[in-house]
């Protein structure tokens, strides 16, 4: 027979393993999507800033010709 503390420790270890299997991939994918969103935001910001700073790009001249 298990004693009470051994049962609690075993249950704790089992639940910790389950939590590790369930939670860590979600945390990693969430951090990856945050990093991805940050990269996309920086890309969009750099495109917008380059359009504002450099108005001789083809897209803005095309818009001016319309």
N, C-alpha and C. Protein backbone atom coordinates (compact mmCIF):
# COMPACT_ATOMS: atom_id res chain seq x y z
N UNK A 1 0.84 -1.20 0.00
CA UNK A 1 0.00 0.00 0.00
C UNK A 1 0.87 1.25 0.00
N UNK A 2 0.44 2.21 -0.76
CA UNK A 2 1.11 3.51 -0.76
C UNK A 2 0.75 4.27 0.50
N UNK A 3 1.70 5.01 1.01
CA UNK A 3 1.36 5.95 2.06
C UNK A 3 0.76 7.21 1.43
N UNK A 4 0.24 8.08 2.27
CA UNK A 4 -0.47 9.26 1.76
C UNK A 4 0.49 10.20 1.04
N UNK A 5 1.69 10.39 1.61
CA UNK A 5 2.61 11.33 0.97
C UNK A 5 3.13 10.78 -0.35
N UNK A 6 3.37 9.46 -0.41
CA UNK A 6 3.81 8.87 -1.68
C UNK A 6 2.73 9.03 -2.74
N UNK A 7 1.47 8.86 -2.36
CA UNK A 7 0.38 9.02 -3.31
C UNK A 7 0.31 10.46 -3.81
N UNK A 8 0.48 11.42 -2.87
CA UNK A 8 0.45 12.83 -3.27
C UNK A 8 1.60 13.16 -4.20
N UNK A 9 2.80 12.63 -3.90
CA UNK A 9 3.96 12.91 -4.74
C UNK A 9 3.77 12.30 -6.13
N UNK A 10 3.24 11.07 -6.17
CA UNK A 10 3.01 10.43 -7.46
C UNK A 10 1.98 11.18 -8.27
N UNK A 11 0.90 11.62 -7.62
CA UNK A 11 -0.11 12.40 -8.33
C UNK A 11 0.46 13.71 -8.82
N UNK A 12 1.29 14.35 -7.99
CA UNK A 12 1.90 15.62 -8.38
C UNK A 12 2.80 15.43 -9.60
N UNK A 13 3.61 14.35 -9.59
CA UNK A 13 4.51 14.11 -10.71
C UNK A 13 3.72 13.79 -11.98
N UNK A 14 2.63 13.01 -11.82
CA UNK A 14 1.82 12.67 -12.99
C UNK A 14 1.18 13.92 -13.59
N UNK A 15 0.62 14.76 -12.73
CA UNK A 15 -0.02 15.98 -13.24
C UNK A 15 1.00 16.95 -13.81
N UNK A 16 2.21 16.96 -13.22
CA UNK A 16 3.24 17.84 -13.77
C UNK A 16 3.64 17.38 -15.17
N UNK A 17 3.72 16.06 -15.37
CA UNK A 17 4.05 15.54 -16.69
C UNK A 17 2.95 15.89 -17.69
N UNK A 18 1.68 15.74 -17.27
CA UNK A 18 0.56 16.08 -18.15
C UNK A 18 0.59 17.56 -18.49
N UNK A 19 0.85 18.40 -17.48
CA UNK A 19 0.90 19.84 -17.72
C UNK A 19 2.04 20.19 -18.65
N UNK A 20 3.18 19.50 -18.50
CA UNK A 20 4.30 19.78 -19.38
C UNK A 20 3.96 19.41 -20.82
N UNK A 21 3.26 18.28 -20.99
CA UNK A 21 2.91 17.87 -22.35
C UNK A 21 1.88 18.79 -22.97
N UNK A 22 0.95 19.31 -22.14
CA UNK A 22 -0.13 20.12 -22.70
C UNK A 22 0.24 21.59 -22.83
N UNK A 23 0.94 22.12 -21.83
CA UNK A 23 1.10 23.58 -21.75
C UNK A 23 2.29 24.06 -22.55
N UNK A 24 3.42 23.36 -22.48
CA UNK A 24 4.64 23.89 -23.08
C UNK A 24 4.54 24.07 -24.59
N UNK A 25 3.96 23.14 -25.37
CA UNK A 25 3.84 23.44 -26.81
C UNK A 25 2.99 24.67 -27.08
N UNK A 26 1.93 24.88 -26.29
CA UNK A 26 1.11 26.07 -26.50
C UNK A 26 1.90 27.33 -26.18
N UNK A 27 2.68 27.29 -25.10
CA UNK A 27 3.47 28.47 -24.73
C UNK A 27 4.50 28.75 -25.82
N UNK A 28 5.13 27.70 -26.34
CA UNK A 28 6.14 27.90 -27.39
C UNK A 28 5.50 28.44 -28.65
N UNK A 29 4.36 27.90 -29.05
CA UNK A 29 3.72 28.40 -30.27
C UNK A 29 3.20 29.81 -30.07
N UNK A 30 2.75 30.13 -28.84
CA UNK A 30 2.29 31.49 -28.56
C UNK A 30 3.45 32.47 -28.65
N UNK A 31 4.59 32.09 -28.07
CA UNK A 31 5.76 32.97 -28.16
C UNK A 31 6.23 33.10 -29.61
N UNK A 32 6.16 32.01 -30.36
CA UNK A 32 6.54 32.08 -31.77
C UNK A 32 5.62 32.98 -32.57
N UNK A 33 4.32 32.92 -32.28
CA UNK A 33 3.40 33.79 -33.01
C UNK A 33 3.59 35.24 -32.60
N UNK A 34 3.93 35.48 -31.32
CA UNK A 34 4.22 36.85 -30.89
C UNK A 34 5.45 37.38 -31.63
N UNK A 35 6.48 36.55 -31.72
CA UNK A 35 7.68 36.98 -32.44
C UNK A 35 7.37 37.21 -33.91
N UNK A 36 6.56 36.34 -34.50
CA UNK A 36 6.15 36.49 -35.89
C UNK A 36 5.39 37.79 -36.09
N UNK A 37 4.46 38.09 -35.18
CA UNK A 37 3.68 39.33 -35.29
C UNK A 37 4.59 40.54 -35.15
N UNK A 38 5.58 40.46 -34.28
CA UNK A 38 6.51 41.58 -34.12
C UNK A 38 7.31 41.80 -35.40
N UNK A 39 7.75 40.70 -36.03
CA UNK A 39 8.51 40.82 -37.28
C UNK A 39 7.64 41.43 -38.37
N UNK A 40 6.38 40.97 -38.47
CA UNK A 40 5.49 41.53 -39.49
C UNK A 40 5.21 42.99 -39.23
N UNK A 41 5.02 43.37 -37.95
CA UNK A 41 4.77 44.78 -37.63
C UNK A 41 5.97 45.63 -38.00
N UNK A 42 7.18 45.15 -37.72
CA UNK A 42 8.37 45.91 -38.10
C UNK A 42 8.48 46.02 -39.61
N UNK A 43 8.13 44.96 -40.34
CA UNK A 43 8.18 45.02 -41.80
C UNK A 43 7.21 46.06 -42.33
N UNK A 44 5.96 46.02 -41.84
CA UNK A 44 4.97 47.00 -42.29
C UNK A 44 5.39 48.42 -41.94
N UNK A 45 5.92 48.61 -40.72
CA UNK A 45 6.36 49.94 -40.31
C UNK A 45 7.48 50.45 -41.21
N UNK A 46 8.43 49.58 -41.52
CA UNK A 46 9.54 50.02 -42.37
C UNK A 46 9.04 50.36 -43.78
N UNK A 47 8.07 49.59 -44.30
CA UNK A 47 7.51 49.90 -45.62
C UNK A 47 6.80 51.24 -45.59
N UNK A 48 5.99 51.48 -44.55
CA UNK A 48 5.25 52.75 -44.46
C UNK A 48 6.21 53.92 -44.31
N UNK A 49 7.23 53.76 -43.47
CA UNK A 49 8.19 54.84 -43.27
C UNK A 49 8.96 55.11 -44.55
N UNK A 50 9.33 54.07 -45.27
CA UNK A 50 10.06 54.29 -46.52
C UNK A 50 9.17 54.97 -47.56
N UNK A 51 7.87 54.66 -47.56
CA UNK A 51 6.95 55.35 -48.47
C UNK A 51 6.82 56.82 -48.10
N UNK A 52 6.80 57.12 -46.80
CA UNK A 52 6.66 58.51 -46.37
C UNK A 52 7.95 59.28 -46.65
N UNK A 53 9.08 58.66 -46.31
CA UNK A 53 10.36 59.37 -46.44
C UNK A 53 10.76 59.48 -47.90
N UNK A 54 10.54 58.43 -48.67
CA UNK A 54 10.99 58.40 -50.06
C UNK A 54 9.77 58.38 -50.98
N UNK A 55 9.19 59.52 -51.32
CA UNK A 55 7.97 59.52 -52.13
C UNK A 55 8.22 59.28 -53.61
N UNK A 56 9.46 59.00 -54.02
CA UNK A 56 9.73 58.74 -55.43
C UNK A 56 9.70 57.26 -55.75
N UNK A 57 9.14 56.45 -54.86
CA UNK A 57 9.03 55.02 -55.14
C UNK A 57 7.96 54.80 -56.20
N UNK A 58 8.00 53.69 -56.93
CA UNK A 58 7.05 53.48 -58.04
C UNK A 58 5.59 53.51 -57.59
N UNK A 59 5.31 52.99 -56.40
CA UNK A 59 3.92 52.91 -55.99
C UNK A 59 3.34 54.31 -55.79
N UNK A 60 4.07 55.21 -55.13
CA UNK A 60 3.52 56.54 -54.88
C UNK A 60 3.43 57.34 -56.18
N UNK A 61 4.39 57.17 -57.10
CA UNK A 61 4.28 57.88 -58.36
C UNK A 61 3.11 57.34 -59.18
N UNK A 62 2.86 56.03 -59.07
CA UNK A 62 1.69 55.47 -59.74
C UNK A 62 0.41 56.05 -59.16
N UNK A 63 0.38 56.23 -57.83
CA UNK A 63 -0.80 56.82 -57.21
C UNK A 63 -0.94 58.29 -57.60
N UNK A 64 0.17 59.00 -57.76
CA UNK A 64 0.09 60.40 -58.16
C UNK A 64 -0.41 60.54 -59.59
N UNK A 65 -0.11 59.56 -60.44
CA UNK A 65 -0.52 59.65 -61.83
C UNK A 65 -2.00 59.37 -62.01
N UNK A 66 -2.62 58.74 -61.04
CA UNK A 66 -4.04 58.42 -61.18
C UNK A 66 -4.89 59.67 -61.16
